[in-house]
């Protein structure tokens, strides 16, 4: 645990000294505030744009950065020769990205609560399966592609699909918050059993994330060169 704490401090130090990272951290709350001002009359549009579009894109970039430290420098080739469990290599990088993303997202959500109300927390919880699914896909693409750009490409493809997901993916779309039926569901005015596809949609992205992560770990464990 002490070794992880030291590495965590180093990663966070690098993150907060990175100019692109600072820009992302500044633009994220600014975008949330501007969106809240412009879309204050449509809380479903606000939460959809923020949690399912802006936050997803931010998470993709954070994941890409966290894995780039080892994969882009090819240091991962040395790490897998050490006498340690290889799954920890994936788990540590994923945990780092989660700490950065969750911390920033929670801070911005706290700031939005007085303006938009408690629905922002419900929207955040509702979108967590999407983060799990896209995060797992990004990790798998990084490991298989042996470069963080592979994960970035996979994440951007999924993000682009989510922009017009209702037309392209329909019930499998990751972006559902702007639908009136989902808005009613989160407000408790729709029985859970009335629209089971909403639950299946969330379970699909949880399954996608877990499966992708397992495949990434299996790939790393089988890697010998």
Protein backbone atom coordinates (compact mmCIF):
# COMPACT_ATOMS: atom_id res chain seq x y z
CA UNK A 1 0.00 0.00 0.00
CA UNK A 2 2.92 2.34 0.74
CA UNK A 3 4.25 1.78 -2.77
CA UNK A 4 0.88 2.62 -4.27
CA UNK A 5 0.64 5.77 -2.12
CA UNK A 6 4.03 6.94 -3.43
CA UNK A 7 3.05 6.26 -7.03
CA UNK A 8 -0.29 7.99 -6.49
CA UNK A 9 1.44 11.13 -5.23
CA UNK A 10 3.76 11.11 -8.25
CA UNK A 11 0.88 10.65 -10.70
CA UNK A 12 -1.17 13.41 -9.06
CA UNK A 13 1.85 15.71 -9.08
CA UNK A 14 2.32 15.08 -12.79
CA UNK A 15 -1.40 15.62 -13.41
CA UNK A 16 -1.61 18.97 -11.62
CA UNK A 17 1.57 20.17 -13.33
CA UNK A 18 0.29 19.20 -16.78
CA UNK A 19 -0.98 22.21 -18.73
CA UNK A 20 -3.63 20.24 -20.69
CA UNK A 21 -4.84 18.68 -17.43
CA UNK A 22 -5.21 22.08 -15.79
CA UNK A 23 -7.15 23.34 -18.81
CA UNK A 24 -9.49 20.35 -18.60
CA UNK A 25 -10.08 20.87 -14.89
CA UNK A 26 -10.86 24.55 -15.44
CA UNK A 27 -13.05 24.10 -18.51
CA UNK A 28 -15.11 21.31 -16.96
CA UNK A 29 -16.76 23.35 -14.16
CA UNK A 30 -16.99 26.39 -16.46
CA UNK A 31 -18.87 24.31 -19.03
CA UNK A 32 -21.17 23.01 -16.30
CA UNK A 33 -21.94 26.55 -15.11
CA UNK A 34 -22.52 27.92 -18.61
CA UNK A 35 -24.74 24.96 -19.47
CA UNK A 36 -26.74 25.51 -16.30
CA UNK A 37 -27.28 29.16 -17.18
CA UNK A 38 -28.25 28.50 -20.79
CA UNK A 39 -30.36 25.41 -20.11
CA UNK A 40 -31.82 26.34 -16.72
CA UNK A 41 -35.33 25.86 -18.06
CA UNK A 42 -34.58 22.29 -19.18
CA UNK A 43 -33.06 20.28 -16.36
CA UNK A 44 -33.12 17.12 -18.49
CA UNK A 45 -31.07 18.85 -21.20
CA UNK A 46 -28.64 20.14 -18.60
CA UNK A 47 -28.01 16.76 -17.01
CA UNK A 48 -27.86 15.00 -20.38
CA UNK A 49 -25.33 17.44 -21.82
CA UNK A 50 -23.19 17.48 -18.68
CA UNK A 51 -23.18 13.88 -17.40
CA UNK A 52 -23.61 11.96 -20.65
CA UNK A 53 -21.57 14.14 -23.00
CA UNK A 54 -19.08 16.48 -21.30
CA UNK A 55 -18.27 14.13 -18.39
CA UNK A 56 -17.87 11.09 -20.64
CA UNK A 57 -15.41 12.97 -22.86
CA UNK A 58 -13.48 14.13 -19.80
CA UNK A 59 -13.29 10.57 -18.47
CA UNK A 60 -11.92 9.32 -21.79
CA UNK A 61 -9.10 11.87 -21.68
CA UNK A 62 -8.30 11.13 -18.02
CA UNK A 63 -8.12 7.39 -18.74
CA UNK A 64 -5.94 7.98 -21.77
CA UNK A 65 -3.53 10.10 -19.73
CA UNK A 66 -3.32 7.65 -16.82
CA UNK A 67 -2.40 4.74 -19.09
CA UNK A 68 -0.14 6.81 -21.35
CA UNK A 69 2.48 7.13 -18.58
CA UNK A 70 3.38 3.45 -18.89
CA UNK A 71 2.14 2.37 -22.31
CA UNK A 72 3.38 5.27 -24.45
CA UNK A 73 6.84 5.13 -22.86
CA UNK A 74 6.89 1.32 -23.34
CA UNK A 75 7.66 1.01 -19.62
CA UNK A 76 4.83 -1.53 -19.44
CA UNK A 77 7.21 -3.94 -21.19
CA UNK A 78 9.47 -3.79 -18.15
CA UNK A 79 6.67 -3.85 -15.60
CA UNK A 80 5.25 -7.14 -16.81
CA UNK A 81 8.63 -8.80 -16.11
CA UNK A 82 8.44 -7.91 -12.41
CA UNK A 83 7.27 -10.59 -9.93
CA UNK A 84 3.91 -8.94 -9.28
CA UNK A 85 0.33 -9.75 -10.16
CA UNK A 86 -0.21 -8.23 -13.60
CA UNK A 87 -3.85 -7.42 -12.92
CA UNK A 88 -2.62 -4.86 -10.40
CA UNK A 89 -1.01 -2.90 -13.25
CA UNK A 90 -4.43 -2.41 -14.83
CA UNK A 91 -6.23 -1.92 -11.52
CA UNK A 92 -3.86 0.81 -10.29
CA UNK A 93 -4.10 2.87 -13.48
CA UNK A 94 -7.87 2.48 -13.57
CA UNK A 95 -8.12 3.42 -9.89
CA UNK A 96 -6.02 6.54 -10.47
CA UNK A 97 -8.29 7.69 -13.29
CA UNK A 98 -11.34 6.97 -11.14
CA UNK A 99 -9.99 9.05 -8.25
CA UNK A 100 -9.32 12.02 -10.52
CA UNK A 101 -12.61 11.78 -12.39
CA UNK A 102 -14.86 11.05 -9.39
CA UNK A 103 -13.29 13.82 -7.32
CA UNK A 104 -13.76 16.45 -10.02
CA UNK A 105 -17.25 15.23 -10.94
CA UNK A 106 -18.47 15.23 -7.34
CA UNK A 107 -17.12 18.73 -6.73
CA UNK A 108 -18.91 20.09 -9.79
CA UNK A 109 -22.11 18.22 -8.87
CA UNK A 110 -22.05 19.78 -5.41
CA UNK A 111 -21.78 23.17 -7.08
CA UNK A 112 -24.73 22.41 -9.36
CA UNK A 113 -27.01 21.17 -6.58
CA UNK A 114 -28.14 24.60 -5.30
CA UNK A 115 -28.97 25.62 -8.89
CA UNK A 116 -30.42 22.45 -10.40
CA UNK A 117 -31.61 20.57 -7.31
CA UNK A 118 -31.18 16.99 -6.17
CA UNK A 119 -31.87 15.57 -9.64
CA UNK A 120 -28.23 16.10 -10.54
CA UNK A 121 -27.22 13.41 -8.03
CA UNK A 122 -29.81 11.01 -9.42
CA UNK A 123 -28.53 11.73 -12.91
CA UNK A 124 -24.95 11.08 -11.78
CA UNK A 125 -25.88 7.72 -10.27
CA UNK A 126 -27.90 6.84 -13.37
CA UNK A 127 -24.90 7.53 -15.62
CA UNK A 128 -22.33 5.54 -13.62
CA UNK A 129 -22.94 2.34 -15.67
CA UNK A 130 -22.06 4.29 -18.82
CA UNK A 131 -18.76 5.38 -17.27
CA UNK A 132 -18.07 1.75 -16.34
CA UNK A 133 -18.82 0.54 -19.87
CA UNK A 134 -16.84 3.19 -21.74
CA UNK A 135 -14.00 3.01 -19.22
CA UNK A 136 -13.66 -0.73 -19.70
CA UNK A 137 -13.66 -0.36 -23.48
CA UNK A 138 -10.95 2.30 -23.30
CA UNK A 139 -8.76 0.14 -21.05
CA UNK A 140 -9.12 -2.86 -23.36
CA UNK A 141 -8.24 -0.77 -26.42
CA UNK A 142 -5.14 0.62 -24.68
CA UNK A 143 -3.90 -2.83 -23.67
CA UNK A 144 -4.57 -4.48 -27.04
CA UNK A 145 -3.27 -1.50 -29.02
CA UNK A 146 -0.22 -1.15 -26.73
CA UNK A 147 -0.67 2.64 -26.82
CA UNK A 148 -2.97 5.11 -25.10
CA UNK A 149 -4.10 6.43 -28.49
CA UNK A 150 -5.92 3.15 -29.02
CA UNK A 151 -7.98 3.82 -25.93
CA UNK A 152 -8.51 7.44 -26.92
CA UNK A 153 -9.79 6.39 -30.33
CA UNK A 154 -12.16 3.80 -28.85
CA UNK A 155 -13.44 6.29 -26.30
CA UNK A 156 -14.04 8.99 -28.91
CA UNK A 157 -15.93 6.54 -31.13
CA UNK A 158 -18.26 5.62 -28.26
CA UNK A 159 -18.63 9.29 -27.34
CA UNK A 160 -19.57 10.23 -30.91
CA UNK A 161 -22.15 7.46 -30.97
CA UNK A 162 -23.64 8.82 -27.76
CA UNK A 163 -24.11 12.26 -29.35
CA UNK A 164 -26.78 10.86 -31.64
CA UNK A 165 -27.36 7.62 -29.78
CA UNK A 166 -31.13 7.84 -29.81
CA UNK A 167 -31.23 7.54 -33.58
CA UNK A 168 -28.35 5.11 -34.03
CA UNK A 169 -28.49 2.85 -31.01
CA UNK A 170 -32.07 3.38 -29.80
CA UNK A 171 -32.59 1.34 -26.59
CA UNK A 172 -28.84 0.61 -26.39
CA UNK A 173 -27.96 4.31 -26.36
CA UNK A 174 -25.74 5.52 -23.51
CA UNK A 175 -27.48 8.92 -23.58
CA UNK A 176 -30.94 8.64 -22.08
CA UNK A 177 -31.27 11.54 -19.66
CA UNK A 178 -32.91 13.85 -22.18
CA UNK A 179 -35.77 11.39 -22.74
CA UNK A 180 -38.93 12.43 -20.91
CA UNK A 181 -39.61 8.85 -19.87
CA UNK A 182 -36.21 8.65 -18.14
CA UNK A 183 -36.76 12.04 -16.54
CA UNK A 184 -40.04 10.75 -15.13
CA UNK A 185 -38.32 7.55 -14.03
CA UNK A 186 -35.68 9.45 -12.05
CA UNK A 187 -38.35 11.59 -10.42
CA UNK A 188 -40.15 8.50 -9.20
CA UNK A 189 -43.30 9.06 -11.25
CA UNK A 190 -42.72 5.92 -13.33
CA UNK A 191 -42.76 2.42 -11.91
CA UNK A 192 -39.53 0.51 -12.40
CA UNK A 193 -41.29 -2.41 -14.03
CA UNK A 194 -43.10 -0.26 -16.58
CA UNK A 195 -40.05 0.26 -18.80
CA UNK A 196 -37.65 -2.65 -18.16
CA UNK A 197 -35.43 -1.64 -21.08
CA UNK A 198 -34.06 1.23 -18.97
CA UNK A 199 -32.70 -1.28 -16.45
CA UNK A 200 -31.42 -3.57 -19.23
CA UNK A 201 -29.63 -0.61 -20.81
CA UNK A 202 -27.75 0.15 -17.61
CA UNK A 203 -26.94 -3.53 -17.03
CA UNK A 204 -25.60 -3.76 -20.58
CA UNK A 205 -23.02 -1.02 -19.95
CA UNK A 206 -22.02 -2.50 -16.59
CA UNK A 207 -21.53 -5.85 -18.32
CA UNK A 208 -19.57 -4.21 -21.15
CA UNK A 209 -17.22 -2.54 -18.69
CA UNK A 210 -16.64 -5.65 -16.59
CA UNK A 211 -16.14 -7.88 -19.64
CA UNK A 212 -13.72 -5.44 -21.27
CA UNK A 213 -11.71 -5.11 -18.06
CA UNK A 214 -11.50 -8.88 -17.63
CA UNK A 215 -10.37 -9.29 -21.24
CA UNK A 216 -7.71 -6.60 -20.72
CA UNK A 217 -6.40 -8.41 -17.64
CA UNK A 218 -6.39 -11.76 -19.45
CA UNK A 219 -4.48 -10.19 -22.34
CA UNK A 220 -1.87 -8.70 -20.02
CA UNK A 221 -1.48 -12.00 -18.15
CA UNK A 222 -0.88 -13.86 -21.42
CA UNK A 223 1.57 -11.27 -22.69
CA UNK A 224 5.17 -12.45 -22.51
CA UNK A 225 7.11 -10.16 -24.83
